[in-house]
N, C-alpha and C. Protein backbone atom coordinates (compact mmCIF):
# COMPACT_ATOMS: atom_id res chain seq x y z
N MET A 1 142.00 173.84 35.90
CA MET A 1 141.74 173.66 37.31
C MET A 1 140.65 174.61 37.79
N LYS A 2 140.31 175.54 36.99
CA LYS A 2 139.38 176.59 37.39
C LYS A 2 138.07 176.06 37.95
N ASP A 3 137.49 175.06 37.30
CA ASP A 3 136.17 174.59 37.70
C ASP A 3 136.19 173.23 38.39
N LEU A 4 137.33 172.82 38.88
CA LEU A 4 137.41 171.52 39.54
C LEU A 4 136.76 171.59 40.92
N PRO A 5 136.01 170.55 41.26
CA PRO A 5 135.43 170.51 42.62
C PRO A 5 136.52 170.24 43.66
N PRO A 6 136.22 170.53 44.91
CA PRO A 6 137.23 170.35 45.98
C PRO A 6 137.84 168.94 46.02
N GLN A 7 137.03 167.90 45.78
CA GLN A 7 137.59 166.53 45.83
C GLN A 7 138.61 166.32 44.73
N ALA A 8 138.37 166.88 43.57
CA ALA A 8 139.32 166.74 42.46
C ALA A 8 140.60 167.51 42.77
N LEU A 9 140.47 168.68 43.38
CA LEU A 9 141.65 169.45 43.76
C LEU A 9 142.49 168.70 44.79
N GLU A 10 141.83 167.97 45.68
CA GLU A 10 142.55 167.16 46.66
C GLU A 10 143.35 166.06 45.96
N GLN A 11 142.78 165.48 44.92
CA GLN A 11 143.49 164.45 44.16
C GLN A 11 144.69 165.05 43.42
N VAL A 12 144.51 166.23 42.87
CA VAL A 12 145.62 166.91 42.19
C VAL A 12 146.73 167.21 43.20
N ALA A 13 146.36 167.68 44.38
CA ALA A 13 147.34 167.99 45.42
C ALA A 13 148.09 166.72 45.85
N ALA A 14 147.38 165.61 45.98
CA ALA A 14 148.02 164.35 46.37
C ALA A 14 149.01 163.90 45.30
N TYR A 15 148.66 164.10 44.04
CA TYR A 15 149.55 163.75 42.94
C TYR A 15 150.84 164.57 43.00
N PHE A 16 150.69 165.87 43.17
CA PHE A 16 151.87 166.74 43.26
C PHE A 16 152.66 166.49 44.55
N GLN A 17 151.99 166.07 45.60
CA GLN A 17 152.69 165.76 46.84
C GLN A 17 153.66 164.60 46.63
N VAL A 18 153.29 163.64 45.81
CA VAL A 18 154.18 162.53 45.50
C VAL A 18 155.44 163.06 44.83
N LEU A 19 155.29 164.06 43.97
CA LEU A 19 156.43 164.63 43.25
C LEU A 19 157.26 165.60 44.09
N SER A 20 156.82 165.88 45.30
CA SER A 20 157.52 166.87 46.12
C SER A 20 158.62 166.27 46.99
N GLU A 21 158.85 164.98 46.89
CA GLU A 21 159.83 164.32 47.75
C GLU A 21 161.05 163.91 46.92
N PRO A 22 162.26 164.36 47.30
CA PRO A 22 163.45 164.08 46.49
C PRO A 22 163.74 162.60 46.25
N THR A 23 163.47 161.76 47.22
CA THR A 23 163.70 160.32 47.03
C THR A 23 162.84 159.79 45.90
N ARG A 24 161.58 160.18 45.89
CA ARG A 24 160.68 159.71 44.83
C ARG A 24 161.10 160.27 43.47
N LEU A 25 161.60 161.49 43.45
CA LEU A 25 162.08 162.05 42.18
C LEU A 25 163.29 161.27 41.67
N ARG A 26 164.17 160.87 42.57
CA ARG A 26 165.31 160.06 42.15
C ARG A 26 164.84 158.73 41.56
N ILE A 27 163.87 158.11 42.22
CA ILE A 27 163.34 156.84 41.74
C ILE A 27 162.68 157.02 40.37
N LEU A 28 161.87 158.06 40.25
CA LEU A 28 161.21 158.32 38.96
C LEU A 28 162.24 158.58 37.87
N ASN A 29 163.30 159.29 38.20
CA ASN A 29 164.34 159.57 37.22
C ASN A 29 165.01 158.28 36.75
N LEU A 30 165.24 157.36 37.66
CA LEU A 30 165.80 156.06 37.28
C LEU A 30 164.83 155.27 36.41
N LEU A 31 163.55 155.36 36.73
CA LEU A 31 162.55 154.62 35.95
C LEU A 31 162.37 155.21 34.55
N ARG A 32 162.81 156.44 34.36
CA ARG A 32 162.73 157.03 33.02
C ARG A 32 163.64 156.29 32.05
N THR A 33 164.66 155.61 32.58
CA THR A 33 165.60 154.88 31.72
C THR A 33 165.11 153.47 31.41
N GLY A 34 164.05 153.03 32.08
CA GLY A 34 163.52 151.69 31.86
C GLY A 34 163.07 151.07 33.17
N GLU A 35 162.57 149.87 33.07
CA GLU A 35 162.05 149.23 34.27
C GLU A 35 163.18 148.69 35.15
N HIS A 36 162.89 148.66 36.45
CA HIS A 36 163.86 148.18 37.45
C HIS A 36 163.10 147.48 38.57
N ASN A 37 163.80 146.57 39.26
CA ASN A 37 163.20 145.99 40.45
C ASN A 37 163.63 146.80 41.67
N VAL A 38 163.04 146.48 42.81
CA VAL A 38 163.30 147.25 44.03
C VAL A 38 164.77 147.23 44.40
N GLY A 39 165.40 146.06 44.30
CA GLY A 39 166.81 145.95 44.66
C GLY A 39 167.70 146.84 43.80
N GLU A 40 167.43 146.86 42.51
CA GLU A 40 168.21 147.71 41.60
C GLU A 40 168.04 149.18 41.94
N LEU A 41 166.79 149.57 42.20
CA LEU A 41 166.51 150.96 42.54
C LEU A 41 167.16 151.34 43.87
N ALA A 42 167.09 150.45 44.85
CA ALA A 42 167.68 150.73 46.16
C ALA A 42 169.19 150.90 46.03
N LEU A 43 169.82 150.03 45.27
CA LEU A 43 171.26 150.11 45.07
C LEU A 43 171.64 151.42 44.36
N ALA A 44 170.90 151.77 43.33
CA ALA A 44 171.21 152.98 42.56
C ALA A 44 170.97 154.25 43.37
N CYS A 45 169.97 154.23 44.25
CA CYS A 45 169.64 155.41 45.05
C CYS A 45 170.42 155.49 46.35
N GLY A 46 170.90 154.35 46.82
CA GLY A 46 171.57 154.33 48.12
C GLY A 46 170.62 154.27 49.29
N TYR A 47 169.42 153.78 49.07
CA TYR A 47 168.42 153.64 50.13
C TYR A 47 168.15 152.17 50.38
N THR A 48 167.45 151.87 51.45
CA THR A 48 167.10 150.49 51.73
C THR A 48 165.97 150.05 50.80
N ALA A 49 165.89 148.75 50.58
CA ALA A 49 164.82 148.21 49.74
C ALA A 49 163.45 148.52 50.35
N ALA A 50 163.36 148.48 51.67
CA ALA A 50 162.09 148.78 52.34
C ALA A 50 161.66 150.22 52.09
N ASN A 51 162.62 151.14 52.14
CA ASN A 51 162.32 152.55 51.89
C ASN A 51 161.86 152.75 50.45
N VAL A 52 162.58 152.16 49.51
CA VAL A 52 162.21 152.28 48.09
C VAL A 52 160.84 151.66 47.85
N SER A 53 160.58 150.51 48.47
CA SER A 53 159.27 149.85 48.31
C SER A 53 158.13 150.74 48.79
N ARG A 54 158.36 151.42 49.90
CA ARG A 54 157.33 152.31 50.45
C ARG A 54 157.03 153.44 49.46
N HIS A 55 158.07 154.02 48.88
CA HIS A 55 157.88 155.10 47.91
C HIS A 55 157.20 154.58 46.64
N LEU A 56 157.62 153.41 46.18
CA LEU A 56 157.01 152.83 44.99
C LEU A 56 155.54 152.52 45.20
N SER A 57 155.19 152.09 46.38
CA SER A 57 153.80 151.80 46.70
C SER A 57 152.93 153.06 46.55
N LEU A 58 153.44 154.16 47.06
CA LEU A 58 152.71 155.43 46.95
C LEU A 58 152.60 155.87 45.49
N MET A 59 153.68 155.73 44.74
CA MET A 59 153.67 156.13 43.33
C MET A 59 152.75 155.22 42.51
N THR A 60 152.68 153.95 42.88
CA THR A 60 151.77 153.03 42.21
C THR A 60 150.32 153.42 42.51
N LYS A 61 150.06 153.75 43.76
CA LYS A 61 148.71 154.17 44.17
C LYS A 61 148.25 155.39 43.38
N GLN A 62 149.17 156.30 43.08
CA GLN A 62 148.82 157.51 42.33
C GLN A 62 148.83 157.29 40.82
N GLY A 63 149.19 156.07 40.38
CA GLY A 63 149.16 155.75 38.96
C GLY A 63 150.36 156.22 38.18
N MET A 64 151.43 156.59 38.88
CA MET A 64 152.63 157.07 38.20
C MET A 64 153.49 155.93 37.69
N VAL A 65 153.53 154.85 38.46
CA VAL A 65 154.32 153.69 38.07
C VAL A 65 153.43 152.45 38.07
N GLN A 66 153.89 151.45 37.36
CA GLN A 66 153.17 150.20 37.26
C GLN A 66 154.07 149.08 37.75
N ARG A 67 153.49 148.15 38.47
CA ARG A 67 154.22 147.03 39.05
C ARG A 67 153.88 145.76 38.28
N GLU A 68 154.92 144.97 38.01
CA GLU A 68 154.71 143.68 37.34
C GLU A 68 155.54 142.63 38.06
N SER A 69 154.89 141.58 38.52
CA SER A 69 155.59 140.49 39.20
C SER A 69 156.15 139.52 38.18
N ARG A 70 157.41 139.14 38.42
CA ARG A 70 158.09 138.14 37.60
C ARG A 70 158.86 137.24 38.53
N GLY A 71 158.38 136.04 38.70
CA GLY A 71 159.03 135.13 39.63
C GLY A 71 158.97 135.69 41.03
N THR A 72 160.13 135.82 41.65
CA THR A 72 160.18 136.35 43.01
C THR A 72 160.43 137.86 43.06
N SER A 73 160.53 138.48 41.92
CA SER A 73 160.81 139.92 41.87
C SER A 73 159.62 140.69 41.30
N ALA A 74 159.54 141.94 41.70
CA ALA A 74 158.56 142.86 41.14
C ALA A 74 159.33 143.94 40.39
N TYR A 75 158.90 144.20 39.17
CA TYR A 75 159.55 145.23 38.35
C TYR A 75 158.60 146.41 38.20
N TYR A 76 159.19 147.58 38.21
CA TYR A 76 158.43 148.83 38.12
C TYR A 76 158.85 149.60 36.89
N ARG A 77 157.88 150.30 36.32
CA ARG A 77 158.14 151.17 35.18
C ARG A 77 157.16 152.33 35.24
N LEU A 78 157.51 153.41 34.56
CA LEU A 78 156.60 154.55 34.48
C LEU A 78 155.35 154.13 33.74
N SER A 79 154.21 154.52 34.26
CA SER A 79 152.96 154.19 33.59
C SER A 79 152.20 155.43 33.14
N ASP A 80 152.64 156.58 33.58
CA ASP A 80 151.98 157.84 33.24
C ASP A 80 152.97 158.73 32.49
N PRO A 81 152.81 158.83 31.16
CA PRO A 81 153.76 159.65 30.38
C PRO A 81 153.77 161.12 30.79
N SER A 82 152.70 161.58 31.42
CA SER A 82 152.68 162.98 31.83
C SER A 82 153.70 163.25 32.94
N VAL A 83 154.08 162.23 33.71
CA VAL A 83 155.11 162.42 34.75
C VAL A 83 156.42 162.81 34.10
N ASP A 84 156.79 162.10 33.06
CA ASP A 84 158.04 162.39 32.35
C ASP A 84 157.97 163.79 31.73
N ALA A 85 156.86 164.11 31.09
CA ALA A 85 156.70 165.42 30.45
C ALA A 85 156.72 166.54 31.49
N LEU A 86 156.06 166.32 32.62
CA LEU A 86 156.03 167.34 33.68
C LEU A 86 157.42 167.57 34.26
N CYS A 87 158.15 166.48 34.49
CA CYS A 87 159.51 166.61 35.03
C CYS A 87 160.41 167.36 34.04
N GLU A 88 160.29 167.06 32.76
CA GLU A 88 161.08 167.77 31.75
C GLU A 88 160.75 169.25 31.74
N LEU A 89 159.47 169.56 31.81
CA LEU A 89 159.03 170.96 31.81
C LEU A 89 159.58 171.71 33.02
N VAL A 90 159.41 171.13 34.20
CA VAL A 90 159.86 171.79 35.43
C VAL A 90 161.39 171.91 35.45
N CYS A 91 162.08 170.83 35.09
CA CYS A 91 163.55 170.87 35.10
C CYS A 91 164.07 171.88 34.08
N GLY A 92 163.44 171.96 32.93
CA GLY A 92 163.83 172.94 31.93
C GLY A 92 163.64 174.37 32.42
N THR A 93 162.53 174.61 33.07
CA THR A 93 162.25 175.94 33.62
C THR A 93 163.26 176.30 34.70
N LEU A 94 163.55 175.35 35.58
CA LEU A 94 164.53 175.61 36.64
C LEU A 94 165.92 175.85 36.06
N ALA A 95 166.29 175.10 35.05
CA ALA A 95 167.60 175.29 34.41
C ALA A 95 167.71 176.69 33.82
N GLN A 96 166.64 177.16 33.18
CA GLN A 96 166.64 178.51 32.61
C GLN A 96 166.79 179.56 33.71
N ARG A 97 166.10 179.35 34.82
CA ARG A 97 166.20 180.30 35.93
C ARG A 97 167.62 180.34 36.49
N LEU A 98 168.23 179.16 36.65
CA LEU A 98 169.59 179.11 37.17
C LEU A 98 170.58 179.77 36.21
N GLU A 99 170.40 179.53 34.93
CA GLU A 99 171.27 180.16 33.93
C GLU A 99 171.12 181.68 33.97
N GLN A 100 169.89 182.15 34.10
CA GLN A 100 169.65 183.60 34.16
C GLN A 100 170.25 184.19 35.42
N ALA A 101 170.10 183.50 36.54
CA ALA A 101 170.67 183.98 37.79
C ALA A 101 172.19 184.04 37.70
N ALA A 102 172.81 183.03 37.08
CA ALA A 102 174.27 183.04 36.92
C ALA A 102 174.70 184.18 36.02
N ALA A 103 173.96 184.43 34.95
CA ALA A 103 174.29 185.53 34.04
C ALA A 103 174.14 186.87 34.76
N ASP A 104 173.07 187.02 35.54
CA ASP A 104 172.87 188.26 36.30
C ASP A 104 173.99 188.47 37.31
N SER A 105 174.40 187.40 37.97
CA SER A 105 175.46 187.48 38.96
C SER A 105 176.79 187.86 38.30
N SER A 106 177.07 187.27 37.14
CA SER A 106 178.30 187.62 36.41
C SER A 106 178.29 189.08 35.98
N ALA A 107 177.15 189.54 35.51
CA ALA A 107 177.05 190.94 35.09
C ALA A 107 177.23 191.88 36.26
N PHE A 108 176.70 191.51 37.41
CA PHE A 108 176.86 192.33 38.60
C PHE A 108 178.33 192.39 39.02
N ARG A 109 179.00 191.21 39.03
CA ARG A 109 180.42 191.19 39.42
C ARG A 109 181.27 191.98 38.44
N ALA A 110 180.94 191.93 37.17
CA ALA A 110 181.70 192.66 36.15
C ALA A 110 181.53 194.17 36.33
N ALA A 111 180.37 194.57 36.83
CA ALA A 111 180.12 195.99 37.01
C ALA A 111 180.85 196.56 38.23
N LEU A 112 181.29 195.70 39.13
CA LEU A 112 182.00 196.18 40.32
C LEU A 112 183.35 196.57 39.98
C-alpha cells in the first residue's frame, strides 16, 4: 500500500468498508459454504429479502460475490478467494487475542 495513489487507496477503503458491516459478514460466511439465493440467505440470517439483496448488490459491485440468474431466482457465490482468506486471517487473530485475554484474566484472578 506504500506507493498506492489516492484513488487506489479509496478503492481499498471501499472494499474494507463492505467487510465492516456485520450483516454482510454473516452473508459472506453463509456463502463460504456454497451458493445460495436471496431467499435462502434472508431466512438463514433473519433479515428481509430486500435487505439481503441490497447488501449482495454492494458485495457484487466490489467483486466479492458473483450473481447467476437461474429461472426466476438469482444465486450468489463467493467470487474473490481473498475474502475467505482475509476472514480466516482476521478471525484467527481475534480468536488468539480472546484466548490470551481469557488466560490473562484467569491468571489475574488466581493471583488474588
